[in-house]
């Protein structure tokens, strides 16, 4: 479960943000920047990335895990991966190579795309060259079912879904939101059930001489779904992004986090009884926002609401070593004395 959104500031800067929702306990989040020409050897077939990438990563004992859930490259192309249960169609390595395509795991699809594409149009061109293998990042079967949200520096946003054998569907994402299953087209159709929603409060009505007053304020979004299902989160995200005020770059970053708060899941709101005792709680591990003009990462964790920023480094981009950044996940409260 995750929610992704994108926005453009009144300065013309594009942003991509997402929540990362898990019931799996992952405590080793960090950030990393990969240099141009970096070889990804821990893969089905080793591959090279042409462009430098900055993204969040899972780390173990300080070592990088060669998979990113979200990131941005040096050209301001940003992407996130989100779960798509029951709708992803993957292939074997043999099937992909027989079709003269390059096999990648779903957990490394984002690395391959951001490392080889400058914008969303180039993604559409390069998709004909690759296929997703039915294996997890640690070589188990079946592979993690996923689809992908991309926004480039121009603000163009697309959804890529591996929903056909050896192929993908690409959807222009004009509503600037994506969640999880069902597929993206289903969510667009479901928007038709909510055309009554408005950010404008209703006016009093006269019914056969009887004056009906509006009770309080905030009634315009009445019937906006409030649960944490994929369908409800999509409606909330789509409407809130598209009714949002437009701000400058710094305030747009703040607004993105406020919008993501509306789809974030606090601990205890979702419990999964079929899971083991230590993994029953599904909650939002982090919310992240990328500034695509600066190729900049901004993240907040569940237990640390202070925004931590990692900026893109040209020095690292032209170097030879992967740069790891340690991120603080414990609460970091500013003490005010004066």
C-alpha atoms as a PDB file:
ATOM      1  CA  UNK A   1       0.000   0.000   0.000  1.00  0.00           C
ATOM      2  CA  UNK A   2       1.340   3.411  -1.018  1.00  0.00           C
ATOM      3  CA  UNK A   3       0.081   6.669  -2.481  1.00  0.00           C
ATOM      4  CA  UNK A   4       1.912   8.797  -5.044  1.00  0.00           C
ATOM      5  CA  UNK A   5       1.174  12.356  -6.179  1.00  0.00           C
ATOM      6  CA  UNK A   6       2.771  15.076  -8.295  1.00  0.00           C
ATOM      7  CA  UNK A   7       2.416  18.867  -8.478  1.00  0.00           C
ATOM      8  CA  UNK A   8       3.890  21.912 -10.208  1.00  0.00           C
ATOM      9  CA  UNK A   9       4.714  25.105  -8.288  1.00  0.00           C
ATOM     10  CA  UNK A  10       3.936  28.615  -9.529  1.00  0.00           C
ATOM     11  CA  UNK A  11       7.650  28.832 -10.384  1.00  0.00           C
ATOM     12  CA  UNK A  12       7.197  25.937 -12.817  1.00  0.00           C
ATOM     13  CA  UNK A  13       9.021  23.376 -10.675  1.00  0.00           C
ATOM     14  CA  UNK A  14       7.668  19.820 -10.739  1.00  0.00           C
ATOM     15  CA  UNK A  15       7.485  17.706  -7.577  1.00  0.00           C
ATOM     16  CA  UNK A  16       6.818  13.999  -7.044  1.00  0.00           C
ATOM     17  CA  UNK A  17       5.856  12.628  -3.641  1.00  0.00           C
ATOM     18  CA  UNK A  18       4.730   9.353  -2.128  1.00  0.00           C
ATOM     19  CA  UNK A  19       3.957   7.526   1.092  1.00  0.00           C
ATOM     20  CA  UNK A  20       5.597   4.181   1.802  1.00  0.00           C
ATOM     21  CA  UNK A  21       3.126   1.917   3.608  1.00  0.00           C
ATOM     22  CA  UNK A  22       4.238  -1.468   4.933  1.00  0.00           C
ATOM     23  CA  UNK A  23       3.387  -4.098   7.504  1.00  0.00           C
ATOM     24  CA  UNK A  24       6.973  -5.355   7.221  1.00  0.00           C
ATOM     25  CA  UNK A  25       9.370  -3.852   9.753  1.00  0.00           C
ATOM     26  CA  UNK A  26      12.142  -2.115   7.806  1.00  0.00           C
ATOM     27  CA  UNK A  27      14.424  -0.053  10.022  1.00  0.00           C
ATOM     28  CA  UNK A  28      17.437   0.535   7.799  1.00  0.00           C
ATOM     29  CA  UNK A  29      16.330   3.322   5.507  1.00  0.00           C
ATOM     30  CA  UNK A  30      18.995   5.568   4.075  1.00  0.00           C
ATOM     31  CA  UNK A  31      19.629   7.643   0.986  1.00  0.00           C
ATOM     32  CA  UNK A  32      22.169   6.954  -1.711  1.00  0.00           C
ATOM     33  CA  UNK A  33      23.475   8.586  -4.860  1.00  0.00           C
ATOM     34  CA  UNK A  34      24.832   6.405  -7.628  1.00  0.00           C
ATOM     35  CA  UNK A  35      27.396   7.927 -10.008  1.00  0.00           C
ATOM     36  CA  UNK A  36      27.149   7.922 -13.783  1.00  0.00           C
ATOM     37  CA  UNK A  37      28.328   4.669 -15.274  1.00  0.00           C
ATOM     38  CA  UNK A  38      27.696   2.717 -12.067  1.00  0.00           C
ATOM     39  CA  UNK A  39      27.562  -1.051 -12.614  1.00  0.00           C
ATOM     40  CA  UNK A  40      24.631  -2.837 -10.959  1.00  0.00           C
ATOM     41  CA  UNK A  41      26.095  -6.305 -10.510  1.00  0.00           C
ATOM     42  CA  UNK A  42      23.596  -7.690  -7.999  1.00  0.00           C
ATOM     43  CA  UNK A  43      20.996  -8.354 -10.679  1.00  0.00           C
ATOM     44  CA  UNK A  44      19.659 -11.134 -12.920  1.00  0.00           C
ATOM     45  CA  UNK A  45      21.883  -9.704 -15.629  1.00  0.00           C
ATOM     46  CA  UNK A  46      24.365  -6.977 -14.606  1.00  0.00           C
ATOM     47  CA  UNK A  47      23.607  -3.584 -16.109  1.00  0.00           C
ATOM     48  CA  UNK A  48      25.128  -0.124 -16.255  1.00  0.00           C
ATOM     49  CA  UNK A  49      23.366   3.152 -15.490  1.00  0.00           C
ATOM     50  CA  UNK A  50      24.253   6.114 -17.709  1.00  0.00           C
ATOM     51  CA  UNK A  51      22.803   8.790 -15.440  1.00  0.00           C
ATOM     52  CA  UNK A  52      23.388   9.543 -11.775  1.00  0.00           C
ATOM     53  CA  UNK A  53      20.488   8.668  -9.437  1.00  0.00           C
ATOM     54  CA  UNK A  54      19.588   9.953  -5.967  1.00  0.00           C
ATOM     55  CA  UNK A  55      17.036   7.917  -4.061  1.00  0.00           C
ATOM     56  CA  UNK A  56      15.949   6.270  -0.866  1.00  0.00           C
ATOM     57  CA  UNK A  57      17.392   2.852  -0.197  1.00  0.00           C
ATOM     58  CA  UNK A  58      17.250   0.015   2.247  1.00  0.00           C
ATOM     59  CA  UNK A  59      20.580  -0.561   3.934  1.00  0.00           C
ATOM     60  CA  UNK A  60      22.026  -3.385   5.973  1.00  0.00           C
ATOM     61  CA  UNK A  61      25.106  -2.797   8.125  1.00  0.00           C
ATOM     62  CA  UNK A  62      25.904   0.298   6.073  1.00  0.00           C
ATOM     63  CA  UNK A  63      25.914  -1.555   2.743  1.00  0.00           C
ATOM     64  CA  UNK A  64      23.509  -0.508  -0.046  1.00  0.00           C
ATOM     65  CA  UNK A  65      20.635  -2.709  -1.128  1.00  0.00           C
ATOM     66  CA  UNK A  66      20.584  -2.392  -4.922  1.00  0.00           C
ATOM     67  CA  UNK A  67      16.923  -1.527  -5.149  1.00  0.00           C
ATOM     68  CA  UNK A  68      15.187   1.823  -4.677  1.00  0.00           C
ATOM     69  CA  UNK A  69      11.477   2.366  -3.953  1.00  0.00           C
ATOM     70  CA  UNK A  70      11.706   5.933  -5.273  1.00  0.00           C
ATOM     71  CA  UNK A  71      14.309   8.301  -6.681  1.00  0.00           C
ATOM     72  CA  UNK A  72      15.286  11.056  -9.100  1.00  0.00           C
ATOM     73  CA  UNK A  73      18.032  11.256 -11.702  1.00  0.00           C
ATOM     74  CA  UNK A  74      20.270  14.109 -12.823  1.00  0.00           C
ATOM     75  CA  UNK A  75      17.769  15.187 -15.500  1.00  0.00           C
ATOM     76  CA  UNK A  76      14.927  15.560 -13.016  1.00  0.00           C
ATOM     77  CA  UNK A  77      13.121  12.363 -13.996  1.00  0.00           C
ATOM     78  CA  UNK A  78      11.599  10.938 -10.815  1.00  0.00           C
ATOM     79  CA  UNK A  79       9.752   7.709 -10.126  1.00  0.00           C
ATOM     80  CA  UNK A  80       8.218   5.551  -7.427  1.00  0.00           C
ATOM     81  CA  UNK A  81       7.206   1.917  -7.283  1.00  0.00           C
ATOM     82  CA  UNK A  82       3.926   0.822  -5.671  1.00  0.00           C
ATOM     83  CA  UNK A  83       2.261  -2.527  -5.127  1.00  0.00           C
ATOM     84  CA  UNK A  84      -0.195  -3.843  -7.756  1.00  0.00           C
ATOM     85  CA  UNK A  85      -1.474  -7.164  -6.415  1.00  0.00           C
ATOM     86  CA  UNK A  86      -3.221  -9.502  -8.912  1.00  0.00           C
ATOM     87  CA  UNK A  87      -2.614  -7.260 -11.925  1.00  0.00           C
ATOM     88  CA  UNK A  88       1.102  -7.554 -12.703  1.00  0.00           C
ATOM     89  CA  UNK A  89       2.119 -10.008 -15.440  1.00  0.00           C
ATOM     90  CA  UNK A  90       5.763 -11.110 -15.381  1.00  0.00           C
ATOM     91  CA  UNK A  91       7.833 -13.552 -17.427  1.00  0.00           C
ATOM     92  CA  UNK A  92      10.749 -15.918 -16.999  1.00  0.00           C
ATOM     93  CA  UNK A  93      14.303 -14.901 -17.849  1.00  0.00           C
ATOM     94  CA  UNK A  94      14.202 -17.295 -20.801  1.00  0.00           C
ATOM     95  CA  UNK A  95      10.977 -15.825 -22.204  1.00  0.00           C
ATOM     96  CA  UNK A  96      12.332 -12.288 -21.951  1.00  0.00           C
ATOM     97  CA  UNK A  97      15.663 -13.101 -23.565  1.00  0.00           C
ATOM     98  CA  UNK A  98      14.003 -15.111 -26.338  1.00  0.00           C
ATOM     99  CA  UNK A  99      12.048 -11.940 -27.130  1.00  0.00           C
ATOM    100  CA  UNK A 100      15.414 -10.140 -27.338  1.00  0.00           C
ATOM    101  CA  UNK A 101      14.663  -7.988 -24.308  1.00  0.00           C
ATOM    102  CA  UNK A 102      16.694  -7.292 -21.178  1.00  0.00           C
ATOM    103  CA  UNK A 103      15.458  -9.003 -17.962  1.00  0.00           C
ATOM    104  CA  UNK A 104      15.144  -6.975 -14.747  1.00  0.00           C
ATOM    105  CA  UNK A 105      13.461  -7.664 -11.418  1.00  0.00           C
ATOM    106  CA  UNK A 106      10.573  -5.412 -10.428  1.00  0.00           C
ATOM    107  CA  UNK A 107      12.666  -4.209  -7.488  1.00  0.00           C
ATOM    108  CA  UNK A 108      15.332  -2.919  -9.892  1.00  0.00           C
ATOM    109  CA  UNK A 109      13.064  -1.646 -12.660  1.00  0.00           C
ATOM    110  CA  UNK A 110      13.257   1.881 -11.245  1.00  0.00           C
ATOM    111  CA  UNK A 111      17.062   1.800 -11.196  1.00  0.00           C
ATOM    112  CA  UNK A 112      17.149   0.712 -14.834  1.00  0.00           C
ATOM    113  CA  UNK A 113      14.652   3.366 -15.984  1.00  0.00           C
ATOM    114  CA  UNK A 114      16.134   6.294 -14.060  1.00  0.00           C
ATOM    115  CA  UNK A 115      19.612   5.207 -15.077  1.00  0.00           C
ATOM    116  CA  UNK A 116      18.784   5.140 -18.790  1.00  0.00           C
ATOM    117  CA  UNK A 117      16.041   7.714 -19.453  1.00  0.00           C
ATOM    118  CA  UNK A 118      15.958  11.521 -19.381  1.00  0.00           C
ATOM    119  CA  UNK A 119      12.188  12.045 -19.438  1.00  0.00           C
ATOM    120  CA  UNK A 120       8.830  10.276 -19.620  1.00  0.00           C
ATOM    121  CA  UNK A 121       8.846  10.145 -23.426  1.00  0.00           C
ATOM    122  CA  UNK A 122      12.129   8.272 -23.419  1.00  0.00           C
ATOM    123  CA  UNK A 123      10.654   5.828 -20.892  1.00  0.00           C
ATOM    124  CA  UNK A 124       7.977   4.914 -23.428  1.00  0.00           C
ATOM    125  CA  UNK A 125      10.659   4.298 -26.047  1.00  0.00           C
ATOM    126  CA  UNK A 126      12.897   2.213 -23.779  1.00  0.00           C
ATOM    127  CA  UNK A 127      10.087   0.000 -22.434  1.00  0.00           C
ATOM    128  CA  UNK A 128      10.280  -2.046 -25.634  1.00  0.00           C
ATOM    129  CA  UNK A 129      13.798  -3.115 -24.624  1.00  0.00           C
ATOM    130  CA  UNK A 130      13.073  -4.688 -21.224  1.00  0.00           C
ATOM    131  CA  UNK A 131      10.876  -7.201 -19.432  1.00  0.00           C
ATOM    132  CA  UNK A 132      10.211  -7.848 -15.748  1.00  0.00           C
ATOM    133  CA  UNK A 133      11.284 -11.212 -14.346  1.00  0.00           C
ATOM    134  CA  UNK A 134       8.972 -13.175 -12.075  1.00  0.00           C
ATOM    135  CA  UNK A 135      11.467 -13.118  -9.182  1.00  0.00           C
ATOM    136  CA  UNK A 136      11.808 -11.083  -5.997  1.00  0.00           C
ATOM    137  CA  UNK A 137      14.919  -9.055  -5.284  1.00  0.00           C
ATOM    138  CA  UNK A 138      16.296 -12.062  -3.362  1.00  0.00           C
ATOM    139  CA  UNK A 139      15.415 -14.524  -6.149  1.00  0.00           C
ATOM    140  CA  UNK A 140      12.191 -15.971  -4.737  1.00  0.00           C
ATOM    141  CA  UNK A 141       9.055 -16.748  -6.745  1.00  0.00           C
ATOM    142  CA  UNK A 142       6.753 -15.018  -7.518  1.00  0.00           C
ATOM    143  CA  UNK A 143       8.094 -11.506  -8.055  1.00  0.00           C
ATOM    144  CA  UNK A 144       6.653  -8.536  -6.186  1.00  0.00           C
ATOM    145  CA  UNK A 145       3.609  -7.227  -8.109  1.00  0.00           C
ATOM    146  CA  UNK A 146       4.231  -3.553  -8.839  1.00  0.00           C
ATOM    147  CA  UNK A 147       3.395  -0.603 -11.035  1.00  0.00           C
ATOM    148  CA  UNK A 148       5.281   2.647 -11.403  1.00  0.00           C
ATOM    149  CA  UNK A 149       4.631   6.389 -11.261  1.00  0.00           C
ATOM    150  CA  UNK A 150       6.936   8.780 -13.144  1.00  0.00           C
ATOM    151  CA  UNK A 151       7.118  12.565 -13.383  1.00  0.00           C
ATOM    152  CA  UNK A 152       9.753  14.443 -15.361  1.00  0.00           C
ATOM    153  CA  UNK A 153      11.082  17.984 -15.054  1.00  0.00           C
ATOM    154  CA  UNK A 154       8.350  19.318 -17.370  1.00  0.00           C
ATOM    155  CA  UNK A 155       5.676  18.005 -14.990  1.00  0.00           C
ATOM    156  CA  UNK A 156       4.426  15.301 -17.370  1.00  0.00           C
ATOM    157  CA  UNK A 157       3.295  12.311 -15.316  1.00  0.00           C
ATOM    158  CA  UNK A 158       2.715   8.740 -16.479  1.00  0.00           C
ATOM    159  CA  UNK A 159       1.822   5.380 -14.954  1.00  0.00           C
ATOM    160  CA  UNK A 160       3.614   2.267 -16.213  1.00  0.00           C
ATOM    161  CA  UNK A 161       1.924  -1.084 -15.555  1.00  0.00           C
ATOM    162  CA  UNK A 162       3.411  -4.482 -16.493  1.00  0.00           C
ATOM    163  CA  UNK A 163      -0.037  -5.906 -17.205  1.00  0.00           C
ATOM    164  CA  UNK A 164       0.696  -7.977 -20.304  1.00  0.00           C
ATOM    165  CA  UNK A 165       3.114 -10.755 -21.152  1.00  0.00           C
ATOM    166  CA  UNK A 166       6.436  -9.207 -22.184  1.00  0.00           C
ATOM    167  CA  UNK A 167       4.864  -5.769 -22.312  1.00  0.00           C
ATOM    168  CA  UNK A 168       3.588  -2.701 -20.492  1.00  0.00           C
ATOM    169  CA  UNK A 169       0.649  -0.328 -20.549  1.00  0.00           C
ATOM    170  CA  UNK A 170       1.498   3.361 -20.274  1.00  0.00           C
ATOM    171  CA  UNK A 171      -1.145   5.811 -19.064  1.00  0.00           C
ATOM    172  CA  UNK A 172      -0.968   9.590 -19.204  1.00  0.00           C
ATOM    173  CA  UNK A 173      -1.685  10.586 -15.606  1.00  0.00           C
ATOM    174  CA  UNK A 174      -3.538  13.892 -15.785  1.00  0.00           C
ATOM    175  CA  UNK A 175      -4.997  13.556 -12.278  1.00  0.00           C
ATOM    176  CA  UNK A 176      -1.473  13.328 -10.774  1.00  0.00           C
ATOM    177  CA  UNK A 177      -2.264  10.492  -8.333  1.00  0.00           C
ATOM    178  CA  UNK A 178      -1.643   6.750  -8.058  1.00  0.00           C
ATOM    179  CA  UNK A 179      -2.320   4.149  -5.373  1.00  0.00           C
ATOM    180  CA  UNK A 180      -2.555   0.345  -5.636  1.00  0.00           C
ATOM    181  CA  UNK A 181      -4.862  -2.347  -7.034  1.00  0.00           C
ATOM    182  CA  UNK A 182      -7.064  -2.373  -9.072  1.00  0.00           C
ATOM    183  CA  UNK A 183      -5.257  -1.101 -12.132  1.00  0.00           C
ATOM    184  CA  UNK A 184      -4.968   2.593 -12.968  1.00  0.00           C
ATOM    185  CA  UNK A 185      -7.796   2.613 -15.555  1.00  0.00           C
ATOM    186  CA  UNK A 186     -10.192   1.271 -12.900  1.00  0.00           C
ATOM    187  CA  UNK A 187      -9.357   4.182 -10.607  1.00  0.00           C
ATOM    188  CA  UNK A 188      -9.976   6.692 -13.387  1.00  0.00           C
ATOM    189  CA  UNK A 189     -13.398   5.144 -14.026  1.00  0.00           C
ATOM    190  CA  UNK A 190     -14.165   5.206 -10.294  1.00  0.00           C
ATOM    191  CA  UNK A 191     -13.670   8.975 -10.270  1.00  0.00           C
ATOM    192  CA  UNK A 192     -17.042   9.160 -12.037  1.00  0.00           C
ATOM    193  CA  UNK A 193     -18.712   8.219  -8.750  1.00  0.00           C
ATOM    194  CA  UNK A 194     -17.402  11.380  -7.095  1.00  0.00           C
ATOM    195  CA  UNK A 195     -18.194  14.164  -9.560  1.00  0.00           C
ATOM    196  CA  UNK A 196     -20.330  15.806  -6.849  1.00  0.00           C
ATOM    197  CA  UNK A 197     -17.270  16.648  -4.758  1.00  0.00           C
ATOM    198  CA  UNK A 198     -16.289  20.290  -4.593  1.00  0.00           C
ATOM    199  CA  UNK A 199     -13.882  22.395  -2.584  1.00  0.00           C
ATOM    200  CA  UNK A 200     -16.555  25.130  -2.538  1.00  0.00           C
ATOM    201  CA  UNK A 201     -19.005  25.047   0.352  1.00  0.00           C
ATOM    202  CA  UNK A 202     -22.669  24.684  -0.691  1.00  0.00           C
ATOM    203  CA  UNK A 203     -25.151  27.539  -0.337  1.00  0.00           C
ATOM    204  CA  UNK A 204     -28.416  27.407   1.642  1.00  0.00           C
ATOM    205  CA  UNK A 205     -31.387  26.000  -0.280  1.00  0.00           C
ATOM    206  CA  UNK A 206     -35.063  26.868  -0.295  1.00  0.00           C
ATOM    207  CA  UNK A 207     -37.396  23.862  -0.426  1.00  0.00           C
ATOM    208  CA  UNK A 208     -40.983  24.918  -1.086  1.00  0.00           C
ATOM    209  CA  UNK A 209     -40.600  27.947   1.139  1.00  0.00           C
ATOM    210  CA  UNK A 210     -38.549  26.221   3.830  1.00  0.00           C
ATOM    211  CA  UNK A 211     -35.035  27.629   4.162  1.00  0.00           C
ATOM    212  CA  UNK A 212     -32.430  24.886   4.625  1.00  0.00           C
ATOM    213  CA  UNK A 213     -29.246  26.290   6.110  1.00  0.00           C
ATOM    214  CA  UNK A 214     -25.808  24.765   5.710  1.00  0.00           C
ATOM    215  CA  UNK A 215     -24.572  23.254   8.956  1.00  0.00           C
ATOM    216  CA  UNK A 216     -21.126  24.653   9.608  1.00  0.00           C
ATOM    217  CA  UNK A 217     -18.311  24.905   7.108  1.00  0.00           C
ATOM    218  CA  UNK A 218     -16.364  22.301   5.163  1.00  0.00           C
ATOM    219  CA  UNK A 219     -19.364  20.610   3.553  1.00  0.00           C
ATOM    220  CA  UNK A 220     -18.048  20.870  -0.004  1.00  0.00           C
ATOM    221  CA  UNK A 221     -16.036  17.667   0.327  1.00  0.00           C
ATOM    222  CA  UNK A 222     -18.877  15.804   2.023  1.00  0.00           C
ATOM    223  CA  UNK A 223     -18.826  12.117   0.954  1.00  0.00           C
ATOM    224  CA  UNK A 224     -15.066  12.203   0.329  1.00  0.00           C
ATOM    225  CA  UNK A 225     -14.069   8.630   1.321  1.00  0.00           C
ATOM    226  CA  UNK A 226     -11.981   8.489   4.474  1.00  0.00           C
ATOM    227  CA  UNK A 227     -10.767   4.893   4.774  1.00  0.00           C
ATOM    228  CA  UNK A 228      -7.333   3.572   3.776  1.00  0.00           C
ATOM    229  CA  UNK A 229      -8.315   1.334   0.887  1.00  0.00           C
ATOM    230  CA  UNK A 230      -6.548   1.913  -2.402  1.00  0.00           C
ATOM    231  CA  UNK A 231      -9.759   3.182  -4.010  1.00  0.00           C
ATOM    232  CA  UNK A 232     -10.449   5.703  -1.250  1.00  0.00           C
ATOM    233  CA  UNK A 233      -6.879   6.952  -1.061  1.00  0.00           C
ATOM    234  CA  UNK A 234      -6.901   7.527  -4.816  1.00  0.00           C
ATOM    235  CA  UNK A 235     -10.036   9.671  -4.622  1.00  0.00           C
ATOM    236  CA  UNK A 236      -8.670  11.706  -1.716  1.00  0.00           C
ATOM    237  CA  UNK A 237      -5.290  12.198  -3.373  1.00  0.00           C
ATOM    238  CA  UNK A 238      -6.721  13.097  -6.792  1.00  0.00           C
ATOM    239  CA  UNK A 239      -9.189  15.647  -5.455  1.00  0.00           C
ATOM    240  CA  UNK A 240      -6.836  17.253  -2.961  1.00  0.00           C
ATOM    241  CA  UNK A 241      -3.988  17.601  -5.445  1.00  0.00           C
ATOM    242  CA  UNK A 242      -6.277  19.149  -8.032  1.00  0.00           C
ATOM    243  CA  UNK A 243      -8.004  21.574  -5.640  1.00  0.00           C
ATOM    244  CA  UNK A 244      -4.763  22.630  -3.967  1.00  0.00           C
ATOM    245  CA  UNK A 245      -3.552  26.206  -3.881  1.00  0.00           C
ATOM    246  CA  UNK A 246      -0.505  26.867  -6.048  1.00  0.00           C
ATOM    247  CA  UNK A 247       2.615  28.020  -4.205  1.00  0.00           C
ATOM    248  CA  UNK A 248       6.263  28.846  -4.749  1.00  0.00           C
ATOM    249  CA  UNK A 249       8.836  26.052  -4.596  1.00  0.00           C
ATOM    250  CA  UNK A 250       9.432  26.001  -0.842  1.00  0.00           C
ATOM    251  CA  UNK A 251       5.749  26.219   0.039  1.00  0.00           C
ATOM    252  CA  UNK A 252       4.880  23.566  -2.550  1.00  0.00           C
ATOM    253  CA  UNK A 253       7.188  21.196  -0.698  1.00  0.00           C
ATOM    254  CA  UNK A 254       5.271  21.936   2.511  1.00  0.00           C
ATOM    255  CA  UNK A 255       1.952  21.509   0.704  1.00  0.00           C
ATOM    256  CA  UNK A 256       3.030  18.148  -0.707  1.00  0.00           C
ATOM    257  CA  UNK A 257       3.653  16.825   2.792  1.00  0.00           C
ATOM    258  CA  UNK A 258       0.273  18.160   3.980  1.00  0.00           C
ATOM    259  CA  UNK A 259      -1.424  16.379   1.081  1.00  0.00           C
ATOM    260  CA  UNK A 260       0.419  13.142   1.841  1.00  0.00           C
ATOM    261  CA  UNK A 261      -0.708  13.432   5.480  1.00  0.00           C
ATOM    262  CA  UNK A 262      -4.273  12.901   4.238  1.00  0.00           C
ATOM    263  CA  UNK A 263      -3.411   9.408   2.995  1.00  0.00           C
ATOM    264  CA  UNK A 264      -0.850   8.469   5.661  1.00  0.00           C
ATOM    265  CA  UNK A 265      -1.708   5.527   7.912  1.00  0.00           C
ATOM    266  CA  UNK A 266      -1.093   5.809  11.680  1.00  0.00           C
ATOM    267  CA  UNK A 267      -0.146   2.703  13.632  1.00  0.00           C
ATOM    268  CA  UNK A 268      -3.220   0.817  14.774  1.00  0.00           C
ATOM    269  CA  UNK A 269      -5.566   1.952  11.998  1.00  0.00           C
ATOM    270  CA  UNK A 270      -4.924  -1.177   9.914  1.00  0.00           C
ATOM    271  CA  UNK A 271      -4.229  -4.578  11.458  1.00  0.00           C
ATOM    272  CA  UNK A 272      -3.585  -7.705   9.402  1.00  0.00           C
ATOM    273  CA  UNK A 273      -4.771 -10.746  11.392  1.00  0.00           C
ATOM    274  CA  UNK A 274      -3.326 -13.303   8.971  1.00  0.00           C
ATOM    275  CA  UNK A 275       0.220 -11.994   9.465  1.00  0.00           C
ATOM    276  CA  UNK A 276       2.655 -13.047  12.177  1.00  0.00           C
ATOM    277  CA  UNK A 277       2.416 -11.384  15.577  1.00  0.00           C
ATOM    278  CA  UNK A 278       5.285  -8.959  14.959  1.00  0.00           C
ATOM    279  CA  UNK A 279       3.987  -7.745  11.600  1.00  0.00           C
ATOM    280  CA  UNK A 280       0.281  -7.116  12.121  1.00  0.00           C
ATOM    281  CA  UNK A 281       0.426  -3.336  11.899  1.00  0.00           C
ATOM    282  CA  UNK A 282       0.398  -1.719   8.486  1.00  0.00           C
ATOM    283  CA  UNK A 283       1.460   1.923   8.672  1.00  0.00           C
ATOM    284  CA  UNK A 284       3.210   4.692   6.735  1.00  0.00           C
ATOM    285  CA  UNK A 285       6.948   4.271   7.243  1.00  0.00           C
ATOM    286  CA  UNK A 286       7.839   7.506   5.495  1.00  0.00           C
ATOM    287  CA  UNK A 287       6.595  10.292   3.249  1.00  0.00           C
ATOM    288  CA  UNK A 288       8.983  11.644   0.641  1.00  0.00           C
ATOM    289  CA  UNK A 289       8.998  14.495  -1.860  1.00  0.00           C
ATOM    290  CA  UNK A 290      11.401  15.112  -4.734  1.00  0.00           C
ATOM    291  CA  UNK A 291      12.095  18.570  -6.169  1.00  0.00           C
ATOM    292  CA  UNK A 292      12.736  17.763  -9.832  1.00  0.00           C
ATOM    293  CA  UNK A 293      14.364  21.064 -10.781  1.00  0.00           C
ATOM    294  CA  UNK A 294      17.031  20.528  -8.128  1.00  0.00           C
ATOM    295  CA  UNK A 295      16.975  16.680  -8.229  1.00  0.00           C
ATOM    296  CA  UNK A 296      16.563  16.917  -4.464  1.00  0.00           C
ATOM    297  CA  UNK A 297      15.209  14.440  -1.896  1.00  0.00           C
ATOM    298  CA  UNK A 298      13.104  15.471   1.132  1.00  0.00           C
ATOM    299  CA  UNK A 299      11.851  12.827   3.564  1.00  0.00           C
ATOM    300  CA  UNK A 300       9.950  12.478   6.858  1.00  0.00           C
ATOM    301  CA  UNK A 301       9.768   9.239   8.854  1.00  0.00           C
ATOM    302  CA  UNK A 302       6.999   7.916  11.073  1.00  0.00           C
ATOM    303  CA  UNK A 303       9.005   8.558  14.240  1.00  0.00           C
ATOM    304  CA  UNK A 304      10.791  11.667  12.968  1.00  0.00           C
ATOM    305  CA  UNK A 305       8.569  14.321  11.437  1.00  0.00           C
ATOM    306  CA  UNK A 306      11.414  16.747  10.762  1.00  0.00           C
ATOM    307  CA  UNK A 307      12.142  17.015   7.042  1.00  0.00           C
ATOM    308  CA  UNK A 308      15.573  15.654   6.122  1.00  0.00           C
ATOM    309  CA  UNK A 309      16.986  16.881   2.824  1.00  0.00           C
ATOM    310  CA  UNK A 310      19.620  15.303   0.568  1.00  0.00           C
ATOM    311  CA  UNK A 311      20.799  17.382  -2.384  1.00  0.00           C
ATOM    312  CA  UNK A 312      22.113  16.062  -5.671  1.00  0.00           C
ATOM    313  CA  UNK A 313      25.914  16.257  -5.898  1.00  0.00           C
ATOM    314  CA  UNK A 314      27.633  16.761  -9.246  1.00  0.00           C
ATOM    315  CA  UNK A 315      30.906  15.710  -7.622  1.00  0.00           C
ATOM    316  CA  UNK A 316      29.425  12.330  -6.682  1.00  0.00           C
ATOM    317  CA  UNK A 317      27.730  12.055 -10.090  1.00  0.00           C
ATOM    318  CA  UNK A 318      31.052  12.253 -11.925  1.00  0.00           C
ATOM    319  CA  UNK A 319      32.888  10.076  -9.393  1.00  0.00           C
ATOM    320  CA  UNK A 320      33.219   6.311  -9.102  1.00  0.00           C
ATOM    321  CA  UNK A 321      31.826   5.552  -5.628  1.00  0.00           C
ATOM    322  CA  UNK A 322      28.259   5.190  -4.395  1.00  0.00           C
ATOM    323  CA  UNK A 323      27.539   7.755  -1.685  1.00  0.00           C
ATOM    324  CA  UNK A 324      25.498   6.544   1.288  1.00  0.00           C
ATOM    325  CA  UNK A 325      23.602   8.954   3.547  1.00  0.00           C
ATOM    326  CA  UNK A 326      22.457   8.006   7.030  1.00  0.00           C
ATOM    327  CA  UNK A 327      18.960   9.273   7.817  1.00  0.00           C
ATOM    328  CA  UNK A 328      17.680   9.796  11.347  1.00  0.00           C
ATOM    329  CA  UNK A 329      14.475   7.854  12.015  1.00  0.00           C
ATOM    330  CA  UNK A 330      14.179   8.674  15.726  1.00  0.00           C
ATOM    331  CA  UNK A 331      12.252  11.756  16.830  1.00  0.00           C
ATOM    332  CA  UNK A 332      14.251  14.954  16.470  1.00  0.00           C
ATOM    333  CA  UNK A 333      12.484  17.668  18.452  1.00  0.00           C
ATOM    334  CA  UNK A 334      13.824  21.197  18.422  1.00  0.00           C
ATOM    335  CA  UNK A 335      14.065  22.648  21.913  1.00  0.00           C
ATOM    336  CA  UNK A 336      13.143  26.330  22.015  1.00  0.00           C
ATOM    337  CA  UNK A 337      14.819  28.239  24.866  1.00  0.00           C
ATOM    338  CA  UNK A 338      14.279  31.878  23.898  1.00  0.00           C
END
